[in-house]
Amino acid sequence: MRIGDAAAAAGTTPRALRFYEQRGLLPPPARSASGQREYGPADIARVRVIRQLLAVGLTVDDLASRPHRLDLLAEDPPRRCTADPGPETYAPVVRARLATLDAEIARLTALRTKLAHHAATGGADIPHPHST
């Protein structure tokens, strides 16, 4: 199927498919005689996996670090994670993403606490730029 139909089947846009291909998440598709991209069911399944992983908080860079693993998740039924994930799995990537999220949550929590304190004091403890 052509890119527009493939994008619709995967719940995304043609632009996203080209982006995934450019970033190495999606292998270059077959081309028709006229040079148009042609996608099959395996490509659609892989794009759906990509979108699911992005929706749970992984980034394109996270996925690009292990693109060969995407096909395993796109299998029907998908392969289950092993109890002892190795360095080539997404386990280290997920742990790193969780650490990044935890750090951002801590930063935002501290910022919220500071702002709430300023709001409670009416901003009296905020230095004004014109005071010396």
Protein backbone atom coordinates (compact mmCIF):
# COMPACT_ATOMS: atom_id res chain seq x y z
CA MET A 1 0.00 0.00 0.00
CA ARG A 2 1.12 3.56 -0.63
CA ILE A 3 2.25 5.95 2.05
CA GLY A 4 -1.11 7.68 2.61
CA ASP A 5 -2.96 4.41 3.05
CA ALA A 6 -0.18 2.99 5.23
CA ALA A 7 -0.18 6.06 7.45
CA ALA A 8 -3.96 5.88 7.85
CA ALA A 9 -3.77 2.16 8.68
CA ALA A 10 -1.13 2.84 11.34
CA GLY A 11 -2.94 5.86 12.77
CA THR A 12 -0.35 8.43 11.80
CA THR A 13 0.65 10.71 8.94
CA PRO A 14 2.79 10.24 5.82
CA ARG A 15 5.18 12.80 7.25
CA ALA A 16 5.64 10.65 10.37
CA LEU A 17 6.41 7.59 8.25
CA ARG A 18 9.08 9.50 6.34
CA PHE A 19 10.47 10.80 9.66
CA TYR A 20 10.61 7.28 11.16
CA GLU A 21 12.41 6.09 8.03
CA GLN A 22 14.86 9.00 8.21
CA ARG A 23 15.62 8.28 11.89
CA GLY A 24 16.17 4.55 11.25
CA LEU A 25 13.06 3.33 13.08
CA LEU A 26 11.48 2.10 9.89
CA PRO A 27 13.56 0.42 7.19
CA PRO A 28 13.40 1.97 3.74
CA PRO A 29 10.26 0.57 2.12
CA ALA A 30 10.08 -1.09 -1.25
CA ARG A 31 9.48 1.28 -4.14
CA SER A 32 7.00 0.97 -6.95
CA ALA A 33 8.12 1.27 -10.58
CA SER A 34 7.27 4.97 -10.38
CA GLY A 35 9.38 5.38 -7.20
CA GLN A 36 6.54 5.62 -4.68
CA ARG A 37 6.98 4.02 -1.28
CA GLU A 38 5.15 0.72 -0.83
CA TYR A 39 4.35 -0.59 2.67
CA GLY A 40 3.22 -4.02 3.80
CA PRO A 41 1.53 -5.39 6.93
CA ALA A 42 4.86 -5.81 8.76
CA ASP A 43 5.62 -2.11 8.23
CA ILE A 44 2.22 -1.12 9.59
CA ALA A 45 2.71 -3.36 12.65
CA ARG A 46 6.12 -1.82 13.28
CA VAL A 47 4.74 1.73 13.05
CA ARG A 48 2.01 0.82 15.54
CA VAL A 49 4.68 -0.45 17.96
CA ILE A 50 6.69 2.75 17.48
CA ARG A 51 3.63 4.87 18.24
CA GLN A 52 2.79 2.80 21.34
CA LEU A 53 6.33 3.15 22.70
CA LEU A 54 6.34 6.89 22.02
CA ALA A 55 2.96 7.18 23.77
CA VAL A 56 4.32 5.62 26.98
CA GLY A 57 7.16 8.13 27.20
CA LEU A 58 10.08 6.78 25.21
CA THR A 59 11.63 9.12 22.68
CA VAL A 60 12.57 8.67 19.05
CA ASP A 61 16.22 8.64 20.14
CA ASP A 62 15.44 5.91 22.68
CA LEU A 63 13.86 3.78 19.97
CA ALA A 64 16.62 4.55 17.48
CA SER A 65 19.16 3.09 19.90
CA ARG A 66 17.64 -0.40 19.40
CA PRO A 67 15.70 -0.36 16.09
CA HIS A 68 16.32 -4.08 15.51
CA ARG A 69 14.21 -4.85 18.60
CA LEU A 70 11.08 -3.18 17.19
CA ASP A 71 10.33 -6.13 14.95
CA LEU A 72 10.24 -8.45 17.97
CA LEU A 73 7.56 -6.27 19.55
CA ALA A 74 5.65 -6.12 16.27
CA GLU A 75 5.33 -9.90 16.02
CA ASP A 76 1.89 -11.42 16.43
CA PRO A 77 1.78 -12.33 19.25
CA PRO A 78 4.49 -9.97 20.48
CA ARG A 79 7.47 -11.52 22.22
CA ARG A 80 7.46 -11.18 25.97
CA CYS A 81 10.30 -9.52 27.81
CA THR A 82 12.72 -11.89 29.45
CA ALA A 83 13.43 -11.92 33.17
CA ASP A 84 17.10 -11.18 32.48
CA PRO A 85 17.14 -8.43 29.86
CA GLY A 86 20.50 -7.91 28.24
CA PRO A 87 22.18 -4.72 27.07
CA GLU A 88 20.65 -5.05 23.61
CA THR A 89 17.09 -4.93 24.96
CA TYR A 90 15.12 -1.81 25.78
CA ALA A 91 15.51 -2.41 29.55
CA PRO A 92 18.55 -0.09 29.92
CA VAL A 93 16.82 2.50 27.74
CA VAL A 94 13.68 2.35 29.88
CA ARG A 95 15.72 2.65 33.10
CA ALA A 96 17.52 5.71 31.71
CA ARG A 97 14.23 7.30 30.60
CA LEU A 98 12.74 6.66 34.07
CA ALA A 99 15.76 8.32 35.70
CA THR A 100 15.36 11.33 33.41
CA LEU A 101 11.65 11.56 34.24
CA ASP A 102 12.35 11.23 37.98
CA ALA A 103 14.88 14.07 37.78
CA GLU A 104 12.40 16.26 35.88
CA ILE A 105 9.65 15.48 38.39
CA ALA A 106 11.99 16.45 41.25
CA ARG A 107 12.92 19.71 39.49
CA LEU A 108 9.28 20.58 38.82
CA THR A 109 8.25 19.67 42.38
CA ALA A 110 10.92 22.01 43.78
CA LEU A 111 9.83 24.74 41.39
CA ARG A 112 6.19 24.26 42.40
CA THR A 113 7.09 24.41 46.10
CA LYS A 114 9.01 27.64 45.54
CA LEU A 115 6.18 29.20 43.54
CA ALA A 116 3.57 28.13 46.11
CA HIS A 117 5.69 29.75 48.84
CA HIS A 118 5.89 32.99 46.88
CA ALA A 119 2.13 32.90 46.29
CA ALA A 120 1.48 32.31 50.02
CA THR A 121 3.65 35.29 51.02
CA GLY A 122 2.12 37.53 48.39
CA GLY A 123 5.44 37.70 46.59
CA ALA A 124 6.97 39.73 49.43
CA ASP A 125 10.18 37.73 49.31
CA ILE A 126 10.69 38.11 45.55
CA PRO A 127 13.42 40.66 44.84
CA HIS A 128 12.29 43.43 42.51
CA PRO A 129 14.63 44.24 39.62
CA HIS A 130 14.58 48.00 40.27
CA SER A 131 15.41 47.83 43.97
CA THR A 132 19.02 48.27 44.99
